[in-house]
C-alpha cells in the first residue's frame, strides 16, 4: 500500500506539479487552480455530451471539483512535509526507496 501511495504521489507530481506542467508559466497559484477548475468543468461537460445526458454534467462536475480539492489539499500537505523535512515523509521514502 505504501508503494502504491508513493507511486500515485509521483504520478500526481508529474502531471499536476506547477514546476513541470504547462501551467508553470502562470505565476499565481490561485490562478493556476482556477484554470484547473475551468478545465475540469470543460471535461465534465464533454463527458456529459458524450454520454448523451446533461444530468451527467452535474454529477461529473461535482466529482471533478471534489477530486481537484482533494488532490490539492493532499499535495499541499505533502509539499509542506517535504519543505519542512517532516520525519514521517522521510521515513516513508527511506522504507520504500
N, C-alpha and C. Protein backbone atom coordinates (compact mmCIF):
# COMPACT_ATOMS: atom_id res chain seq x y z
N UNK A 1 0.83 -1.20 0.00
CA UNK A 1 0.00 0.00 0.00
C UNK A 1 0.87 1.26 0.00
N UNK A 2 1.97 1.22 0.76
CA UNK A 2 2.86 2.39 0.81
C UNK A 2 3.47 2.66 -0.56
N UNK A 3 3.86 1.59 -1.25
CA UNK A 3 4.48 1.74 -2.56
C UNK A 3 3.48 2.34 -3.54
N UNK A 4 2.24 1.86 -3.50
CA UNK A 4 1.20 2.39 -4.37
C UNK A 4 0.94 3.86 -4.08
N UNK A 5 0.90 4.21 -2.81
CA UNK A 5 0.67 5.60 -2.43
C UNK A 5 1.79 6.50 -2.93
N UNK A 6 3.02 6.06 -2.78
CA UNK A 6 4.15 6.86 -3.26
C UNK A 6 4.15 6.96 -4.78
N UNK A 7 3.77 5.89 -5.48
CA UNK A 7 3.70 5.95 -6.94
C UNK A 7 2.62 6.93 -7.39
N UNK A 8 1.46 6.87 -6.74
CA UNK A 8 0.39 7.81 -7.07
C UNK A 8 0.85 9.25 -6.84
N UNK A 9 1.56 9.46 -5.76
CA UNK A 9 2.09 10.80 -5.45
C UNK A 9 3.08 11.25 -6.54
N UNK A 10 3.95 10.35 -6.96
CA UNK A 10 4.91 10.69 -8.01
C UNK A 10 4.21 10.98 -9.34
N UNK A 11 3.19 10.18 -9.68
CA UNK A 11 2.42 10.43 -10.90
C UNK A 11 1.70 11.78 -10.82
N UNK A 12 1.14 12.05 -9.66
CA UNK A 12 0.46 13.33 -9.46
C UNK A 12 1.43 14.48 -9.69
N UNK A 13 2.61 14.39 -9.08
CA UNK A 13 3.59 15.46 -9.23
C UNK A 13 3.99 15.65 -10.69
N UNK A 14 4.09 14.55 -11.43
CA UNK A 14 4.46 14.63 -12.84
C UNK A 14 3.40 15.39 -13.65
N UNK A 15 2.13 15.16 -13.33
CA UNK A 15 1.05 15.78 -14.09
C UNK A 15 0.68 17.15 -13.53
N UNK A 16 0.53 17.27 -12.22
CA UNK A 16 -0.02 18.47 -11.63
C UNK A 16 1.00 19.40 -10.98
N UNK A 17 2.26 19.01 -10.93
CA UNK A 17 3.26 19.87 -10.30
C UNK A 17 3.45 21.11 -11.15
N UNK A 18 3.31 22.26 -10.54
CA UNK A 18 3.40 23.52 -11.28
C UNK A 18 4.79 23.78 -11.82
N UNK A 19 5.78 23.04 -11.38
CA UNK A 19 7.14 23.19 -11.92
C UNK A 19 7.34 22.34 -13.17
N UNK A 20 6.40 21.43 -13.45
CA UNK A 20 6.58 20.50 -14.57
C UNK A 20 5.53 20.64 -15.67
N UNK A 21 4.31 21.01 -15.31
CA UNK A 21 3.26 21.06 -16.33
C UNK A 21 3.24 22.44 -17.02
N UNK A 22 2.52 22.57 -18.12
CA UNK A 22 2.49 23.84 -18.85
C UNK A 22 1.92 25.02 -18.07
N UNK A 23 1.18 24.75 -17.01
CA UNK A 23 0.64 25.85 -16.21
C UNK A 23 1.70 26.51 -15.34
N UNK A 24 2.92 26.00 -15.37
CA UNK A 24 4.00 26.57 -14.56
C UNK A 24 4.30 28.02 -14.96
N UNK A 25 3.86 28.42 -16.13
CA UNK A 25 4.12 29.78 -16.59
C UNK A 25 3.16 30.81 -15.99
N UNK A 26 2.13 30.33 -15.31
CA UNK A 26 1.20 31.23 -14.61
C UNK A 26 1.78 31.47 -13.21
N UNK A 27 2.15 32.70 -12.90
CA UNK A 27 2.86 32.95 -11.63
C UNK A 27 2.01 32.77 -10.37
N UNK A 28 0.72 33.00 -10.45
CA UNK A 28 -0.14 32.96 -9.27
C UNK A 28 -0.76 31.57 -9.08
N UNK A 29 -0.53 30.90 -7.92
CA UNK A 29 -1.10 29.57 -7.71
C UNK A 29 -2.62 29.56 -7.68
N UNK A 30 -3.24 30.63 -7.23
CA UNK A 30 -4.70 30.70 -7.23
C UNK A 30 -5.22 30.72 -8.67
N UNK A 31 -4.54 31.43 -9.53
CA UNK A 31 -4.93 31.46 -10.94
C UNK A 31 -4.76 30.09 -11.57
N UNK A 32 -3.70 29.38 -11.20
CA UNK A 32 -3.49 28.02 -11.70
C UNK A 32 -4.64 27.12 -11.26
N UNK A 33 -5.04 27.23 -10.00
CA UNK A 33 -6.16 26.43 -9.50
C UNK A 33 -7.44 26.79 -10.25
N UNK A 34 -7.65 28.06 -10.52
CA UNK A 34 -8.83 28.50 -11.27
C UNK A 34 -8.83 27.88 -12.67
N UNK A 35 -7.69 27.89 -13.34
CA UNK A 35 -7.60 27.30 -14.67
C UNK A 35 -7.87 25.80 -14.60
N UNK A 36 -7.34 25.12 -13.58
CA UNK A 36 -7.59 23.68 -13.41
C UNK A 36 -9.08 23.42 -13.19
N UNK A 37 -9.74 24.28 -12.44
CA UNK A 37 -11.17 24.13 -12.20
C UNK A 37 -11.97 24.32 -13.49
N UNK A 38 -11.59 25.30 -14.28
CA UNK A 38 -12.25 25.53 -15.57
C UNK A 38 -12.05 24.33 -16.49
N UNK A 39 -10.83 23.80 -16.52
CA UNK A 39 -10.58 22.61 -17.33
C UNK A 39 -11.42 21.42 -16.86
N UNK A 40 -11.55 21.26 -15.55
CA UNK A 40 -12.38 20.17 -15.02
C UNK A 40 -13.83 20.35 -15.45
N UNK A 41 -14.32 21.58 -15.43
CA UNK A 41 -15.69 21.84 -15.87
C UNK A 41 -15.87 21.54 -17.35
N UNK A 42 -14.89 21.90 -18.15
CA UNK A 42 -14.97 21.62 -19.59
C UNK A 42 -14.97 20.11 -19.86
N UNK A 43 -14.12 19.36 -19.13
CA UNK A 43 -14.08 17.91 -19.30
C UNK A 43 -15.38 17.28 -18.81
N UNK A 44 -15.94 17.81 -17.76
CA UNK A 44 -17.23 17.30 -17.27
C UNK A 44 -18.31 17.49 -18.32
N UNK A 45 -18.32 18.67 -18.93
CA UNK A 45 -19.30 18.95 -19.98
C UNK A 45 -19.10 18.02 -21.17
N UNK A 46 -17.84 17.80 -21.56
CA UNK A 46 -17.55 16.91 -22.69
C UNK A 46 -18.03 15.49 -22.40
N UNK A 47 -17.79 15.00 -21.18
CA UNK A 47 -18.26 13.65 -20.81
C UNK A 47 -19.78 13.57 -20.80
N UNK A 48 -20.45 14.64 -20.35
CA UNK A 48 -21.91 14.59 -20.32
C UNK A 48 -22.48 14.58 -21.73
N UNK A 49 -21.88 15.33 -22.63
CA UNK A 49 -22.32 15.32 -24.03
C UNK A 49 -22.06 13.94 -24.63
N UNK A 50 -20.91 13.38 -24.34
CA UNK A 50 -20.57 12.05 -24.86
C UNK A 50 -21.56 11.00 -24.37
N UNK A 51 -21.93 11.08 -23.10
CA UNK A 51 -22.87 10.10 -22.55
C UNK A 51 -24.31 10.40 -22.94
N UNK A 52 -24.56 11.59 -23.49
CA UNK A 52 -25.87 11.90 -24.02
C UNK A 52 -26.87 12.43 -23.02
N UNK A 53 -26.40 12.89 -21.88
CA UNK A 53 -27.34 13.40 -20.89
C UNK A 53 -26.70 14.54 -20.11
N UNK A 54 -27.44 15.62 -19.99
CA UNK A 54 -26.96 16.77 -19.23
C UNK A 54 -26.97 16.47 -17.73
N UNK A 55 -27.73 15.46 -17.31
CA UNK A 55 -27.75 15.06 -15.89
C UNK A 55 -26.35 14.65 -15.45
N UNK A 56 -25.63 13.97 -16.35
CA UNK A 56 -24.27 13.54 -16.02
C UNK A 56 -23.33 14.73 -15.82
N UNK A 57 -23.67 15.87 -16.41
CA UNK A 57 -22.82 17.04 -16.26
C UNK A 57 -22.68 17.44 -14.80
N UNK A 58 -23.79 17.53 -14.09
CA UNK A 58 -23.75 17.92 -12.68
C UNK A 58 -22.98 16.92 -11.84
N UNK A 59 -23.23 15.64 -12.09
CA UNK A 59 -22.53 14.59 -11.35
C UNK A 59 -21.04 14.64 -11.65
N UNK A 60 -20.71 14.74 -12.92
CA UNK A 60 -19.31 14.77 -13.33
C UNK A 60 -18.61 16.03 -12.82
N UNK A 61 -19.29 17.16 -12.89
CA UNK A 61 -18.70 18.41 -12.40
C UNK A 61 -18.45 18.34 -10.90
N UNK A 62 -19.39 17.82 -10.16
CA UNK A 62 -19.20 17.68 -8.71
C UNK A 62 -18.06 16.73 -8.41
N UNK A 63 -18.00 15.62 -9.12
CA UNK A 63 -16.92 14.65 -8.90
C UNK A 63 -15.56 15.26 -9.22
N UNK A 64 -15.46 15.99 -10.33
CA UNK A 64 -14.19 16.64 -10.68
C UNK A 64 -13.80 17.68 -9.62
N UNK A 65 -14.74 18.48 -9.18
CA UNK A 65 -14.44 19.51 -8.18
C UNK A 65 -13.96 18.87 -6.87
N UNK A 66 -14.64 17.83 -6.45
CA UNK A 66 -14.24 17.14 -5.21
C UNK A 66 -12.85 16.54 -5.37
N UNK A 67 -12.59 15.87 -6.49
CA UNK A 67 -11.28 15.28 -6.70
C UNK A 67 -10.18 16.34 -6.77
N UNK A 68 -10.44 17.44 -7.46
CA UNK A 68 -9.44 18.52 -7.52
C UNK A 68 -9.13 19.06 -6.12
N UNK A 69 -10.16 19.32 -5.36
CA UNK A 69 -9.94 19.83 -4.00
C UNK A 69 -9.18 18.83 -3.15
N UNK A 70 -9.52 17.56 -3.28
CA UNK A 70 -8.81 16.52 -2.51
C UNK A 70 -7.35 16.44 -2.93
N UNK A 71 -7.09 16.47 -4.24
CA UNK A 71 -5.72 16.41 -4.72
C UNK A 71 -4.91 17.60 -4.22
N UNK A 72 -5.47 18.81 -4.36
CA UNK A 72 -4.72 19.99 -3.96
C UNK A 72 -4.50 20.04 -2.45
N UNK A 73 -5.46 19.59 -1.67
CA UNK A 73 -5.27 19.57 -0.23
C UNK A 73 -4.19 18.55 0.15
N UNK A 74 -4.27 17.35 -0.44
CA UNK A 74 -3.28 16.32 -0.15
C UNK A 74 -1.88 16.76 -0.58
N UNK A 75 -1.77 17.33 -1.75
CA UNK A 75 -0.46 17.76 -2.21
C UNK A 75 0.08 18.93 -1.39
N UNK A 76 -0.81 19.78 -0.90
CA UNK A 76 -0.35 20.86 -0.02
C UNK A 76 0.25 20.29 1.26
N UNK A 77 -0.36 19.25 1.79
CA UNK A 77 0.18 18.59 2.99
C UNK A 77 1.53 17.96 2.66
N UNK A 78 1.62 17.25 1.51
CA UNK A 78 2.87 16.61 1.13
C UNK A 78 3.97 17.63 0.84
N UNK A 79 3.64 18.71 0.13
CA UNK A 79 4.64 19.74 -0.15
C UNK A 79 5.13 20.38 1.14
N UNK A 80 4.21 20.62 2.06
CA UNK A 80 4.60 21.19 3.34
C UNK A 80 5.51 20.23 4.10
N UNK A 81 5.19 18.94 4.03
CA UNK A 81 6.03 17.94 4.71
C UNK A 81 7.42 17.89 4.10
N UNK A 82 7.51 17.98 2.77
CA UNK A 82 8.83 17.99 2.12
C UNK A 82 9.59 19.26 2.45
N UNK A 83 8.90 20.37 2.43
CA UNK A 83 9.54 21.66 2.71
C UNK A 83 10.10 21.70 4.12
N UNK A 84 9.36 21.16 5.07
CA UNK A 84 9.78 21.18 6.47
C UNK A 84 10.56 19.93 6.87
N UNK A 85 10.83 19.06 5.89
CA UNK A 85 11.57 17.82 6.14
C UNK A 85 10.94 17.02 7.29
N UNK A 86 9.64 16.85 7.22
CA UNK A 86 8.92 16.10 8.25
C UNK A 86 9.42 14.66 8.31
N UNK A 87 9.53 14.17 9.49
CA UNK A 87 10.10 12.84 9.69
C UNK A 87 9.24 11.73 9.11
N UNK A 88 7.91 11.87 9.12
CA UNK A 88 7.06 10.79 8.62
C UNK A 88 7.24 10.58 7.14
N UNK A 89 7.41 11.67 6.37
CA UNK A 89 7.60 11.52 4.93
C UNK A 89 8.99 10.98 4.62
N UNK A 90 10.00 11.45 5.34
CA UNK A 90 11.35 10.94 5.13
C UNK A 90 11.43 9.46 5.46
N UNK A 91 10.79 9.06 6.54
CA UNK A 91 10.79 7.64 6.93
C UNK A 91 10.06 6.81 5.88
N UNK A 92 8.95 7.29 5.36
CA UNK A 92 8.20 6.57 4.34
C UNK A 92 9.04 6.41 3.08
N UNK A 93 9.71 7.47 2.67
CA UNK A 93 10.58 7.41 1.48
C UNK A 93 11.75 6.44 1.71
N UNK A 94 12.35 6.51 2.90
CA UNK A 94 13.51 5.65 3.22
C UNK A 94 13.09 4.18 3.23
N UNK A 95 11.93 3.87 3.80
CA UNK A 95 11.44 2.49 3.89
C UNK A 95 11.18 1.89 2.51
N UNK A 96 10.79 2.73 1.54
CA UNK A 96 10.42 2.22 0.21
C UNK A 96 11.45 2.58 -0.86
N UNK A 97 12.49 3.27 -0.51
CA UNK A 97 13.42 3.74 -1.52
C UNK A 97 14.67 2.98 -1.53
